[in-house]
PDB file of N, CA and C in Angstrom:
ATOM      1  N   MET A   1     -25.150  -3.848  41.617  1.00  0.00           N
ATOM      2  CA  MET A   1     -23.553  -4.000  41.782  1.00  0.00           C
ATOM      3  C   MET A   1     -23.100  -2.473  42.227  1.00  0.00           C
ATOM      4  N   SER A   2     -22.013  -2.654  43.061  1.00  0.00           N
ATOM      5  CA  SER A   2     -21.446  -1.281  43.689  1.00  0.00           C
ATOM      6  C   SER A   2     -20.710  -1.086  42.298  1.00  0.00           C
ATOM      7  N   ALA A   3     -20.230   0.363  42.538  1.00  0.00           N
ATOM      8  CA  ALA A   3     -19.084   0.787  41.888  1.00  0.00           C
ATOM      9  C   ALA A   3     -17.807   0.337  41.890  1.00  0.00           C
ATOM     10  N   SER A   4     -17.416  -0.221  43.142  1.00  0.00           N
ATOM     11  CA  SER A   4     -16.254  -0.948  43.144  1.00  0.00           C
ATOM     12  C   SER A   4     -16.248  -2.311  42.558  1.00  0.00           C
ATOM     13  N   ALA A   5     -17.385  -2.744  42.306  1.00  0.00           N
ATOM     14  CA  ALA A   5     -17.486  -4.139  41.759  1.00  0.00           C
ATOM     15  C   ALA A   5     -17.564  -3.872  40.074  1.00  0.00           C
ATOM     16  N   ALA A   6     -17.651  -2.871  39.689  1.00  0.00           N
ATOM     17  CA  ALA A   6     -18.176  -2.769  38.234  1.00  0.00           C
ATOM     18  C   ALA A   6     -16.647  -3.224  37.485  1.00  0.00           C
ATOM     19  N   PRO A   7     -16.919  -3.908  36.516  1.00  0.00           N
ATOM     20  CA  PRO A   7     -15.868  -4.403  35.781  1.00  0.00           C
ATOM     21  C   PRO A   7     -15.019  -3.143  35.122  1.00  0.00           C
ATOM     22  N   VAL A   8     -13.657  -3.198  35.330  1.00  0.00           N
ATOM     23  CA  VAL A   8     -12.906  -2.207  34.464  1.00  0.00           C
ATOM     24  C   VAL A   8     -12.765  -2.411  33.056  1.00  0.00           C
ATOM     25  N   VAL A   9     -12.961  -1.253  32.314  1.00  0.00           N
ATOM     26  CA  VAL A   9     -13.107  -1.095  30.826  1.00  0.00           C
ATOM     27  C   VAL A   9     -11.604  -0.471  30.539  1.00  0.00           C
ATOM     28  N   HIS A  10     -11.003  -1.243  29.779  1.00  0.00           N
ATOM     29  CA  HIS A  10      -9.670  -0.637  29.276  1.00  0.00           C
ATOM     30  C   HIS A  10      -9.794  -0.182  27.899  1.00  0.00           C
ATOM     31  N   LEU A  11      -9.386   0.935  27.416  1.00  0.00           N
ATOM     32  CA  LEU A  11      -9.578   1.513  25.922  1.00  0.00           C
ATOM     33  C   LEU A  11      -8.164   1.620  25.239  1.00  0.00           C
ATOM     34  N   ALA A  12      -8.362   1.411  23.986  1.00  0.00           N
ATOM     35  CA  ALA A  12      -7.278   1.188  22.907  1.00  0.00           C
ATOM     36  C   ALA A  12      -6.993   2.584  22.730  1.00  0.00           C
ATOM     37  N   ARG A  13      -8.279   3.623  22.707  1.00  0.00           N
ATOM     38  CA  ARG A  13      -8.064   4.807  22.307  1.00  0.00           C
ATOM     39  C   ARG A  13      -9.479   5.283  22.636  1.00  0.00           C
ATOM     40  N   PRO A  14      -9.766   6.706  22.860  1.00  0.00           N
ATOM     41  CA  PRO A  14     -11.059   7.049  23.074  1.00  0.00           C
ATOM     42  C   PRO A  14     -12.128   6.273  22.488  1.00  0.00           C
ATOM     43  N   HIS A  15     -13.090   5.984  23.347  1.00  0.00           N
ATOM     44  CA  HIS A  15     -14.359   5.422  23.097  1.00  0.00           C
ATOM     45  C   HIS A  15     -14.270   3.840  22.067  1.00  0.00           C
ATOM     46  N   ARG A  16     -12.927   3.532  22.410  1.00  0.00           N
ATOM     47  CA  ARG A  16     -12.919   1.990  21.758  1.00  0.00           C
ATOM     48  C   ARG A  16     -12.011   1.113  22.934  1.00  0.00           C
ATOM     49  N   PRO A  17     -12.959   0.244  23.205  1.00  0.00           N
ATOM     50  CA  PRO A  17     -12.721  -0.771  24.308  1.00  0.00           C
ATOM     51  C   PRO A  17     -11.513  -1.812  23.694  1.00  0.00           C
ATOM     52  N   VAL A  18     -10.958  -2.178  24.572  1.00  0.00           N
ATOM     53  CA  VAL A  18      -9.916  -3.168  23.924  1.00  0.00           C
ATOM     54  C   VAL A  18     -10.558  -4.543  24.007  1.00  0.00           C
ATOM     55  N   VAL A  19      -9.998  -5.340  22.713  1.00  0.00           N
ATOM     56  CA  VAL A  19     -10.733  -6.665  22.788  1.00  0.00           C
ATOM     57  C   VAL A  19      -9.474  -7.551  23.149  1.00  0.00           C
ATOM     58  N   VAL A  20      -9.809  -8.416  23.756  1.00  0.00           N
ATOM     59  CA  VAL A  20      -8.928  -9.304  24.525  1.00  0.00           C
ATOM     60  C   VAL A  20      -9.396 -10.955  24.231  1.00  0.00           C
ATOM     61  N   ALA A  21      -8.492 -11.761  23.547  1.00  0.00           N
ATOM     62  CA  ALA A  21      -8.746 -13.058  23.477  1.00  0.00           C
ATOM     63  C   ALA A  21      -8.851 -13.785  24.781  1.00  0.00           C
ATOM     64  N   GLY A  22      -9.555 -14.791  24.629  1.00  0.00           N
ATOM     65  CA  GLY A  22     -10.153 -15.520  26.109  1.00  0.00           C
ATOM     66  C   GLY A  22      -8.664 -16.322  26.422  1.00  0.00           C
ATOM     67  N   THR A  23      -7.924 -17.003  25.571  1.00  0.00           N
ATOM     68  CA  THR A  23      -6.713 -17.630  25.792  1.00  0.00           C
ATOM     69  C   THR A  23      -5.731 -17.292  24.814  1.00  0.00           C
ATOM     70  N   LEU A  24      -4.413 -17.485  25.161  1.00  0.00           N
ATOM     71  CA  LEU A  24      -3.220 -17.213  23.972  1.00  0.00           C
ATOM     72  C   LEU A  24      -3.523 -18.332  23.293  1.00  0.00           C
ATOM     73  N   ALA A  25      -3.605 -19.661  23.381  1.00  0.00           N
ATOM     74  CA  ALA A  25      -3.800 -20.887  22.568  1.00  0.00           C
ATOM     75  C   ALA A  25      -4.644 -20.679  21.533  1.00  0.00           C
ATOM     76  N   GLU A  26      -5.652 -19.872  21.613  1.00  0.00           N
ATOM     77  CA  GLU A  26      -6.614 -19.412  20.710  1.00  0.00           C
ATOM     78  C   GLU A  26      -6.161 -18.817  19.368  1.00  0.00           C
ATOM     79  N   LEU A  27      -5.076 -18.001  19.596  1.00  0.00           N
ATOM     80  CA  LEU A  27      -4.321 -17.246  18.699  1.00  0.00           C
ATOM     81  C   LEU A  27      -3.495 -17.956  17.935  1.00  0.00           C
ATOM     82  N   ARG A  28      -4.216 -18.384  16.527  1.00  0.00           N
ATOM     83  CA  ARG A  28      -3.148 -19.215  15.659  1.00  0.00           C
ATOM     84  C   ARG A  28      -2.934 -18.638  14.185  1.00  0.00           C
ATOM     85  N   GLY A  29      -2.778 -17.276  14.492  1.00  0.00           N
ATOM     86  CA  GLY A  29      -2.461 -16.659  12.810  1.00  0.00           C
ATOM     87  C   GLY A  29      -1.283 -16.941  12.381  1.00  0.00           C
ATOM     88  N   PRO A  30      -0.995 -16.413  11.404  1.00  0.00           N
ATOM     89  CA  PRO A  30       0.040 -16.755  10.454  1.00  0.00           C
ATOM     90  C   PRO A  30       1.366 -16.108  11.181  1.00  0.00           C
ATOM     91  N   THR A  31       2.368 -17.052  11.194  1.00  0.00           N
ATOM     92  CA  THR A  31       3.642 -16.719  11.690  1.00  0.00           C
ATOM     93  C   THR A  31       4.802 -16.420  10.647  1.00  0.00           C
ATOM     94  N   CYS A  32       4.397 -16.429   9.385  1.00  0.00           N
ATOM     95  CA  CYS A  32       5.647 -16.350   8.354  1.00  0.00           C
ATOM     96  C   CYS A  32       4.685 -15.869   6.975  1.00  0.00           C
ATOM     97  N   GLY A  33       5.661 -15.355   6.110  1.00  0.00           N
ATOM     98  CA  GLY A  33       4.945 -14.830   4.871  1.00  0.00           C
ATOM     99  C   GLY A  33       4.419 -13.619   4.883  1.00  0.00           C
ATOM    100  N   LEU A  34       3.793 -13.197   3.746  1.00  0.00           N
ATOM    101  CA  LEU A  34       3.232 -11.920   3.579  1.00  0.00           C
ATOM    102  C   LEU A  34       1.830 -11.931   3.986  1.00  0.00           C
ATOM    103  N   VAL A  35       1.297 -10.993   5.050  1.00  0.00           N
ATOM    104  CA  VAL A  35       0.301 -10.859   5.431  1.00  0.00           C
ATOM    105  C   VAL A  35      -0.580  -9.601   5.154  1.00  0.00           C
ATOM    106  N   GLU A  36      -1.736  -9.546   4.568  1.00  0.00           N
ATOM    107  CA  GLU A  36      -2.065  -8.289   4.129  1.00  0.00           C
ATOM    108  C   GLU A  36      -3.526  -7.999   5.097  1.00  0.00           C
ATOM    109  N   LEU A  37      -3.379  -7.051   5.775  1.00  0.00           N
ATOM    110  CA  LEU A  37      -4.501  -6.667   6.875  1.00  0.00           C
ATOM    111  C   LEU A  37      -5.694  -5.893   6.062  1.00  0.00           C
ATOM    112  N   PRO A  38      -6.893  -6.536   6.627  1.00  0.00           N
ATOM    113  CA  PRO A  38      -7.890  -5.567   5.874  1.00  0.00           C
ATOM    114  C   PRO A  38      -7.784  -3.953   6.124  1.00  0.00           C
ATOM    115  N   LEU A  39      -8.625  -3.326   5.429  1.00  0.00           N
ATOM    116  CA  LEU A  39      -8.325  -1.923   5.630  1.00  0.00           C
ATOM    117  C   LEU A  39      -9.014  -1.209   6.799  1.00  0.00           C
ATOM    118  N   ARG A  40     -10.130  -2.036   7.493  1.00  0.00           N
ATOM    119  CA  ARG A  40     -10.605  -1.760   8.770  1.00  0.00           C
ATOM    120  C   ARG A  40      -9.448  -1.741   9.944  1.00  0.00           C
ATOM    121  N   LEU A  41      -8.486  -2.543   9.436  1.00  0.00           N
ATOM    122  CA  LEU A  41      -7.478  -2.684  10.586  1.00  0.00           C
ATOM    123  C   LEU A  41      -6.295  -1.781  10.354  1.00  0.00           C
ATOM    124  N   TRP A  42      -5.819  -1.542   8.964  1.00  0.00           N
ATOM    125  CA  TRP A  42      -4.727  -0.896   8.541  1.00  0.00           C
ATOM    126  C   TRP A  42      -4.995  -0.268   7.393  1.00  0.00           C
ATOM    127  N   TRP A  43      -5.329   1.328   7.380  1.00  0.00           N
ATOM    128  CA  TRP A  43      -5.763   2.094   6.381  1.00  0.00           C
ATOM    129  C   TRP A  43      -4.774   2.672   5.334  1.00  0.00           C
ATOM    130  N   HIS A  44      -3.614   2.058   5.622  1.00  0.00           N
ATOM    131  CA  HIS A  44      -2.691   2.683   4.642  1.00  0.00           C
ATOM    132  C   HIS A  44      -2.586   2.081   3.131  1.00  0.00           C
ATOM    133  N   PRO A  45      -2.177   2.673   2.197  1.00  0.00           N
ATOM    134  CA  PRO A  45      -2.394   1.885   1.223  1.00  0.00           C
ATOM    135  C   PRO A  45      -1.650   0.627   0.970  1.00  0.00           C
ATOM    136  N   GLN A  46      -0.305   0.649   1.392  1.00  0.00           N
ATOM    137  CA  GLN A  46       0.325  -0.702   1.519  1.00  0.00           C
ATOM    138  C   GLN A  46       0.053  -1.357   2.789  1.00  0.00           C
ATOM    139  N   ARG A  47      -0.963  -2.680   2.577  1.00  0.00           N
ATOM    140  CA  ARG A  47      -1.119  -3.081   3.885  1.00  0.00           C
ATOM    141  C   ARG A  47      -0.771  -4.491   4.046  1.00  0.00           C
ATOM    142  N   ALA A  48       0.188  -4.845   3.274  1.00  0.00           N
ATOM    143  CA  ALA A  48       1.054  -6.166   3.310  1.00  0.00           C
ATOM    144  C   ALA A  48       2.135  -5.985   4.655  1.00  0.00           C
ATOM    145  N   PHE A  49       2.324  -7.005   5.415  1.00  0.00           N
ATOM    146  CA  PHE A  49       3.265  -7.200   6.464  1.00  0.00           C
ATOM    147  C   PHE A  49       3.932  -8.438   6.142  1.00  0.00           C
ATOM    148  N   ASP A  50       5.531  -8.239   5.906  1.00  0.00           N
ATOM    149  CA  ASP A  50       6.234  -9.503   5.497  1.00  0.00           C
ATOM    150  C   ASP A  50       6.710  -9.871   6.961  1.00  0.00           C
ATOM    151  N   LEU A  51       6.089 -10.924   7.525  1.00  0.00           N
ATOM    152  CA  LEU A  51       6.528 -11.542   8.965  1.00  0.00           C
ATOM    153  C   LEU A  51       8.003 -11.666   9.063  1.00  0.00           C
ATOM    154  N   SER A  52       8.676 -11.984   8.094  1.00  0.00           N
ATOM    155  CA  SER A  52      10.122 -12.212   8.179  1.00  0.00           C
ATOM    156  C   SER A  52      10.824 -11.086   8.534  1.00  0.00           C
ATOM    157  N   GLN A  53      10.351  -9.977   8.696  1.00  0.00           N
ATOM    158  CA  GLN A  53      11.016  -8.811   9.061  1.00  0.00           C
ATOM    159  C   GLN A  53      10.528  -8.425  10.342  1.00  0.00           C
ATOM    160  N   ARG A  54      11.238  -8.476  11.337  1.00  0.00           N
ATOM    161  CA  ARG A  54      10.842  -8.312  12.830  1.00  0.00           C
ATOM    162  C   ARG A  54      10.233  -6.953  13.104  1.00  0.00           C
ATOM    163  N   THR A  55      10.564  -5.906  12.381  1.00  0.00           N
ATOM    164  CA  THR A  55       9.899  -4.522  12.586  1.00  0.00           C
ATOM    165  C   THR A  55       8.503  -4.726  12.033  1.00  0.00           C
ATOM    166  N   MET A  56       8.334  -5.291  10.874  1.00  0.00           N
ATOM    167  CA  MET A  56       7.063  -5.360  10.219  1.00  0.00           C
ATOM    168  C   MET A  56       6.092  -6.234  11.184  1.00  0.00           C
ATOM    169  N   LEU A  57       6.675  -7.481  11.857  1.00  0.00           N
ATOM    170  CA  LEU A  57       5.889  -8.070  12.248  1.00  0.00           C
ATOM    171  C   LEU A  57       5.312  -7.440  13.598  1.00  0.00           C
ATOM    172  N   MET A  58       6.189  -6.801  14.215  1.00  0.00           N
ATOM    173  CA  MET A  58       5.954  -6.011  15.641  1.00  0.00           C
ATOM    174  C   MET A  58       4.805  -4.875  15.123  1.00  0.00           C
ATOM    175  N   TRP A  59       5.095  -4.168  14.036  1.00  0.00           N
ATOM    176  CA  TRP A  59       4.172  -3.171  13.514  1.00  0.00           C
ATOM    177  C   TRP A  59       2.770  -3.733  13.533  1.00  0.00           C
ATOM    178  N   MET A  60       2.877  -4.882  12.746  1.00  0.00           N
ATOM    179  CA  MET A  60       1.499  -5.690  12.349  1.00  0.00           C
ATOM    180  C   MET A  60       0.637  -5.983  13.874  1.00  0.00           C
ATOM    181  N   TYR A  61       1.400  -6.513  14.689  1.00  0.00           N
ATOM    182  CA  TYR A  61       0.769  -6.954  15.944  1.00  0.00           C
ATOM    183  C   TYR A  61       0.361  -5.793  17.087  1.00  0.00           C
ATOM    184  N   GLU A  62       1.139  -4.634  16.760  1.00  0.00           N
ATOM    185  CA  GLU A  62       0.878  -3.526  17.463  1.00  0.00           C
ATOM    186  C   GLU A  62      -0.642  -2.912  16.794  1.00  0.00           C
ATOM    187  N   ASN A  63      -0.839  -2.880  15.653  1.00  0.00           N
ATOM    188  CA  ASN A  63      -1.911  -2.354  14.926  1.00  0.00           C
ATOM    189  C   ASN A  63      -3.242  -3.273  15.323  1.00  0.00           C
ATOM    190  N   VAL A  64      -2.789  -4.734  14.876  1.00  0.00           N
ATOM    191  CA  VAL A  64      -4.213  -5.528  15.242  1.00  0.00           C
ATOM    192  C   VAL A  64      -4.408  -5.453  16.922  1.00  0.00           C
ATOM    193  N   LEU A  65      -3.686  -5.455  17.788  1.00  0.00           N
ATOM    194  CA  LEU A  65      -3.945  -5.398  19.152  1.00  0.00           C
ATOM    195  C   LEU A  65      -4.588  -3.971  19.441  1.00  0.00           C
ATOM    196  N   ARG A  66      -4.420  -2.871  18.823  1.00  0.00           N
ATOM    197  CA  ARG A  66      -4.862  -1.580  18.854  1.00  0.00           C
ATOM    198  C   ARG A  66      -6.141  -1.385  18.206  1.00  0.00           C
ATOM    199  N   GLU A  67      -6.387  -2.065  17.102  1.00  0.00           N
ATOM    200  CA  GLU A  67      -7.617  -1.529  16.367  1.00  0.00           C
ATOM    201  C   GLU A  67      -8.579  -2.856  16.253  1.00  0.00           C
ATOM    202  N   SER A  68      -8.571  -4.066  16.610  1.00  0.00           N
ATOM    203  CA  SER A  68      -9.235  -5.029  16.483  1.00  0.00           C
ATOM    204  C   SER A  68     -10.647  -4.680  17.451  1.00  0.00           C
ATOM    205  N   ILE A  69     -11.882  -5.089  16.860  1.00  0.00           N
ATOM    206  CA  ILE A  69     -13.053  -4.993  17.493  1.00  0.00           C
ATOM    207  C   ILE A  69     -13.815  -6.263  17.693  1.00  0.00           C
ATOM    208  N   ARG A  70     -13.130  -7.249  17.171  1.00  0.00           N
ATOM    209  CA  ARG A  70     -13.615  -8.678  17.656  1.00  0.00           C
ATOM    210  C   ARG A  70     -12.627  -9.511  17.576  1.00  0.00           C
ATOM    211  N   VAL A  71     -12.754 -10.635  18.469  1.00  0.00           N
ATOM    212  CA  VAL A  71     -12.142 -11.625  18.852  1.00  0.00           C
ATOM    213  C   VAL A  71     -11.605 -12.383  17.670  1.00  0.00           C
ATOM    214  N   ASP A  72     -12.353 -12.562  16.629  1.00  0.00           N
ATOM    215  CA  ASP A  72     -11.934 -13.398  15.659  1.00  0.00           C
ATOM    216  C   ASP A  72     -10.974 -12.435  14.501  1.00  0.00           C
ATOM    217  N   GLU A  73     -10.891 -11.297  14.865  1.00  0.00           N
ATOM    218  CA  GLU A  73      -9.647 -10.670  14.145  1.00  0.00           C
ATOM    219  C   GLU A  73      -8.193 -10.900  14.849  1.00  0.00           C
ATOM    220  N   LEU A  74      -8.522 -10.988  16.225  1.00  0.00           N
ATOM    221  CA  LEU A  74      -7.170 -11.365  16.709  1.00  0.00           C
ATOM    222  C   LEU A  74      -6.924 -12.818  16.291  1.00  0.00           C
ATOM    223  N   ARG A  75      -7.555 -13.702  16.202  1.00  0.00           N
ATOM    224  CA  ARG A  75      -7.506 -15.276  15.980  1.00  0.00           C
ATOM    225  C   ARG A  75      -6.923 -15.298  14.796  1.00  0.00           C
ATOM    226  N   ALA A  76      -7.284 -14.191  13.855  1.00  0.00           N
ATOM    227  CA  ALA A  76      -6.994 -14.306  12.219  1.00  0.00           C
ATOM    228  C   ALA A  76      -5.395 -13.897  12.160  1.00  0.00           C
ATOM    229  N   TYR A  77      -4.743 -12.622  13.021  1.00  0.00           N
ATOM    230  CA  TYR A  77      -3.740 -12.465  12.745  1.00  0.00           C
ATOM    231  C   TYR A  77      -2.656 -12.431  13.642  1.00  0.00           C
ATOM    232  N   LEU A  78      -2.914 -12.729  14.959  1.00  0.00           N
ATOM    233  CA  LEU A  78      -1.815 -13.078  15.955  1.00  0.00           C
ATOM    234  C   LEU A  78      -1.807 -14.491  16.231  1.00  0.00           C
ATOM    235  N   ASP A  79      -0.652 -14.800  16.920  1.00  0.00           N
ATOM    236  CA  ASP A  79      -0.185 -16.002  17.152  1.00  0.00           C
ATOM    237  C   ASP A  79       0.077 -16.105  18.487  1.00  0.00           C
ATOM    238  N   GLY A  80      -0.284 -16.865  19.415  1.00  0.00           N
ATOM    239  CA  GLY A  80      -0.194 -16.800  20.561  1.00  0.00           C
ATOM    240  C   GLY A  80       1.480 -16.807  21.224  1.00  0.00           C
ATOM    241  N   ALA A  81       2.105 -17.655  20.765  1.00  0.00           N
ATOM    242  CA  ALA A  81       3.585 -17.800  20.912  1.00  0.00           C
ATOM    243  C   ALA A  81       4.408 -16.602  20.647  1.00  0.00           C
ATOM    244  N   THR A  82       4.018 -16.312  19.425  1.00  0.00           N
ATOM    245  CA  THR A  82       4.730 -15.030  18.748  1.00  0.00           C
ATOM    246  C   THR A  82       4.138 -13.613  19.617  1.00  0.00           C
ATOM    247  N   LEU A  83       3.143 -13.707  20.250  1.00  0.00           N
ATOM    248  CA  LEU A  83       2.877 -12.451  21.119  1.00  0.00           C
ATOM    249  C   LEU A  83       3.502 -12.668  22.166  1.00  0.00           C
ATOM    250  N   VAL A  84       3.709 -13.650  22.985  1.00  0.00           N
ATOM    251  CA  VAL A  84       4.403 -13.795  24.003  1.00  0.00           C
ATOM    252  C   VAL A  84       5.921 -13.558  24.092  1.00  0.00           C
ATOM    253  N   ARG A  85       6.377 -13.725  22.861  1.00  0.00           N
ATOM    254  CA  ARG A  85       7.800 -13.482  22.361  1.00  0.00           C
ATOM    255  C   ARG A  85       7.999 -12.030  22.425  1.00  0.00           C
ATOM    256  N   LEU A  86       7.172 -11.487  21.491  1.00  0.00           N
ATOM    257  CA  LEU A  86       7.545  -9.865  21.492  1.00  0.00           C
ATOM    258  C   LEU A  86       6.874  -9.114  22.366  1.00  0.00           C
ATOM    259  N   TRP A  87       5.811  -9.606  23.276  1.00  0.00           N
ATOM    260  CA  TRP A  87       5.168  -8.483  24.134  1.00  0.00           C
ATOM    261  C   TRP A  87       6.075  -7.410  24.767  1.00  0.00           C
ATOM    262  N   SER A  88       7.027  -7.747  25.442  1.00  0.00           N
ATOM    263  CA  SER A  88       7.820  -6.542  25.819  1.00  0.00           C
ATOM    264  C   SER A  88       8.392  -5.537  25.086  1.00  0.00           C
ATOM    265  N   GLU A  89       8.491  -5.983  23.640  1.00  0.00           N
ATOM    266  CA  GLU A  89       9.110  -4.872  22.878  1.00  0.00           C
ATOM    267  C   GLU A  89       7.927  -4.209  22.083  1.00  0.00           C
ATOM    268  N   LEU A  90       6.562  -4.477  22.307  1.00  0.00           N
ATOM    269  CA  LEU A  90       5.694  -3.944  21.677  1.00  0.00           C
ATOM    270  C   LEU A  90       5.210  -2.283  22.074  1.00  0.00           C
ATOM    271  N   ASN A  91       5.136  -1.311  21.350  1.00  0.00           N
ATOM    272  CA  ASN A  91       4.728   0.041  21.557  1.00  0.00           C
ATOM    273  C   ASN A  91       3.280  -0.237  21.607  1.00  0.00           C
ATOM    274  N   LEU A  92       2.591  -0.001  22.602  1.00  0.00           N
ATOM    275  CA  LEU A  92       1.038  -0.131  22.799  1.00  0.00           C
ATOM    276  C   LEU A  92       0.580   0.665  23.877  1.00  0.00           C
ATOM    277  N   PRO A  93      -0.702   1.243  23.592  1.00  0.00           N
ATOM    278  CA  PRO A  93      -1.287   2.136  24.384  1.00  0.00           C
ATOM    279  C   PRO A  93      -1.464   1.365  25.909  1.00  0.00           C
ATOM    280  N   ARG A  94      -1.526   2.236  26.887  1.00  0.00           N
ATOM    281  CA  ARG A  94      -1.587   1.817  28.114  1.00  0.00           C
ATOM    282  C   ARG A  94      -2.899   0.942  28.473  1.00  0.00           C
ATOM    283  N   GLY A  95      -3.762   1.309  27.933  1.00  0.00           N
ATOM    284  CA  GLY A  95      -5.094   0.443  27.948  1.00  0.00           C
ATOM    285  C   GLY A  95      -5.140  -0.909  27.314  1.00  0.00           C
ATOM    286  N   VAL A  96      -4.305  -0.943  26.062  1.00  0.00           N
ATOM    287  CA  VAL A  96      -4.114  -2.329  25.622  1.00  0.00           C
ATOM    288  C   VAL A  96      -3.360  -3.182  26.239  1.00  0.00           C
ATOM    289  N   ARG A  97      -2.301  -2.808  26.810  1.00  0.00           N
ATOM    290  CA  ARG A  97      -1.374  -3.584  27.550  1.00  0.00           C
ATOM    291  C   ARG A  97      -1.820  -4.045  28.933  1.00  0.00           C
ATOM    292  N   ALA A  98      -2.779  -2.867  29.676  1.00  0.00           N
ATOM    293  CA  ALA A  98      -3.168  -3.126  30.971  1.00  0.00           C
ATOM    294  C   ALA A  98      -4.350  -4.497  30.685  1.00  0.00           C
ATOM    295  N   ALA A  99      -5.272  -4.246  29.592  1.00  0.00           N
ATOM    296  CA  ALA A  99      -6.201  -5.371  29.423  1.00  0.00           C
ATOM    297  C   ALA A  99      -5.690  -6.587  29.356  1.00  0.00           C
ATOM    298  N   TRP A 100      -4.699  -6.767  28.340  1.00  0.00           N
ATOM    299  CA  TRP A 100      -4.252  -7.961  28.014  1.00  0.00           C
ATOM    300  C   TRP A 100      -3.453  -8.659  29.261  1.00  0.00           C
ATOM    301  N   GLU A 101      -2.422  -7.755  29.816  1.00  0.00           N
ATOM    302  CA  GLU A 101      -1.836  -8.352  31.158  1.00  0.00           C
ATOM    303  C   GLU A 101      -2.883  -8.901  32.319  1.00  0.00           C
ATOM    304  N   ALA A 102      -4.017  -7.972  32.490  1.00  0.00           N
ATOM    305  CA  ALA A 102      -4.982  -8.445  33.463  1.00  0.00           C
ATOM    306  C   ALA A 102      -5.282  -9.655  33.032  1.00  0.00           C
ATOM    307  N   ARG A 103      -5.546 -10.089  31.768  1.00  0.00           N
ATOM    308  CA  ARG A 103      -6.657 -11.334  31.350  1.00  0.00           C
ATOM    309  C   ARG A 103      -5.220 -12.445  31.229  1.00  0.00           C
ATOM    310  N   HIS A 104      -4.234 -12.047  30.849  1.00  0.00           N
ATOM    311  CA  HIS A 104      -3.050 -13.185  30.678  1.00  0.00           C
ATOM    312  C   HIS A 104      -1.928 -12.625  31.520  1.00  0.00           C
ATOM    313  N   PRO A 105      -1.824 -13.167  32.789  1.00  0.00           N
ATOM    314  CA  PRO A 105      -0.826 -12.539  33.451  1.00  0.00           C
ATOM    315  C   PRO A 105       0.706 -13.160  33.065  1.00  0.00           C
ATOM    316  N   ARG A 106       0.638 -14.295  32.146  1.00  0.00           N
ATOM    317  CA  ARG A 106       2.084 -14.432  31.453  1.00  0.00           C
ATOM    318  C   ARG A 106       2.477 -13.574  30.859  1.00  0.00           C
ATOM    319  N   LEU A 107       1.707 -12.529  30.412  1.00  0.00           N
ATOM    320  CA  LEU A 107       2.447 -11.332  29.448  1.00  0.00           C
ATOM    321  C   LEU A 107       3.164 -10.599  30.344  1.00  0.00           C
ATOM    322  N   ARG A 108       2.333 -10.253  31.661  1.00  0.00           N
ATOM    323  CA  ARG A 108       3.165  -9.380  32.549  1.00  0.00           C
ATOM    324  C   ARG A 108       4.487 -10.057  33.121  1.00  0.00           C
ATOM    325  N   ALA A 109       4.280 -11.399  33.420  1.00  0.00           N
ATOM    326  CA  ALA A 109       5.515 -11.969  33.762  1.00  0.00           C
ATOM    327  C   ALA A 109       6.694 -11.903  32.987  1.00  0.00           C
ATOM    328  N   ARG A 110       6.259 -11.801  31.560  1.00  0.00           N
ATOM    329  CA  ARG A 110       7.398 -11.915  30.487  1.00  0.00           C
ATOM    330  C   ARG A 110       7.872 -10.343  30.351  1.00  0.00           C
ATOM    331  N   LEU A 111       6.973  -9.396  30.740  1.00  0.00           N
ATOM    332  CA  LEU A 111       7.671  -8.294  30.606  1.00  0.00           C
ATOM    333  C   LEU A 111       8.527  -7.863  31.651  1.00  0.00           C
ATOM    334  N   ALA A 112       7.991  -8.519  32.943  1.00  0.00           N
ATOM    335  CA  ALA A 112       9.136  -8.379  34.219  1.00  0.00           C
ATOM    336  C   ALA A 112      10.468  -8.952  33.896  1.00  0.00           C
ATOM    337  N   ALA A 113      10.288 -10.130  33.232  1.00  0.00           N
ATOM    338  CA  ALA A 113      11.757 -10.909  32.909  1.00  0.00           C
ATOM    339  C   ALA A 113      12.498 -10.096  31.980  1.00  0.00           C
ATOM    340  N   ALA A 114      12.080  -9.182  31.126  1.00  0.00           N
ATOM    341  CA  ALA A 114      12.807  -8.642  29.971  1.00  0.00           C
ATOM    342  C   ALA A 114      13.725  -7.667  30.501  1.00  0.00           C
TER     343      ALA A 114
END
């Protein structure tokens, strides 16, 4: 394989490849209530997020998108429709945004429309 044909690997942070779900439809995580992230995803003593509060919802999504190392983590905590709705407002590392938009052009279109 030539260097130009090598797949692009986006990084969430140094030495941490971004994990992207194959489809947005497979993301069927909670959309309301309190959600407690595992210590691996959020190492703050207060790990519960009240999804009725928009800022907490966005904060949880940003952390899950940045810290996930397995697709099952994405499936457990993210909802596809909610992700699309929040996408343009999320504060994400460039690598995370690039990886997700490359796999899901719908997100890029949503960003352009915002």
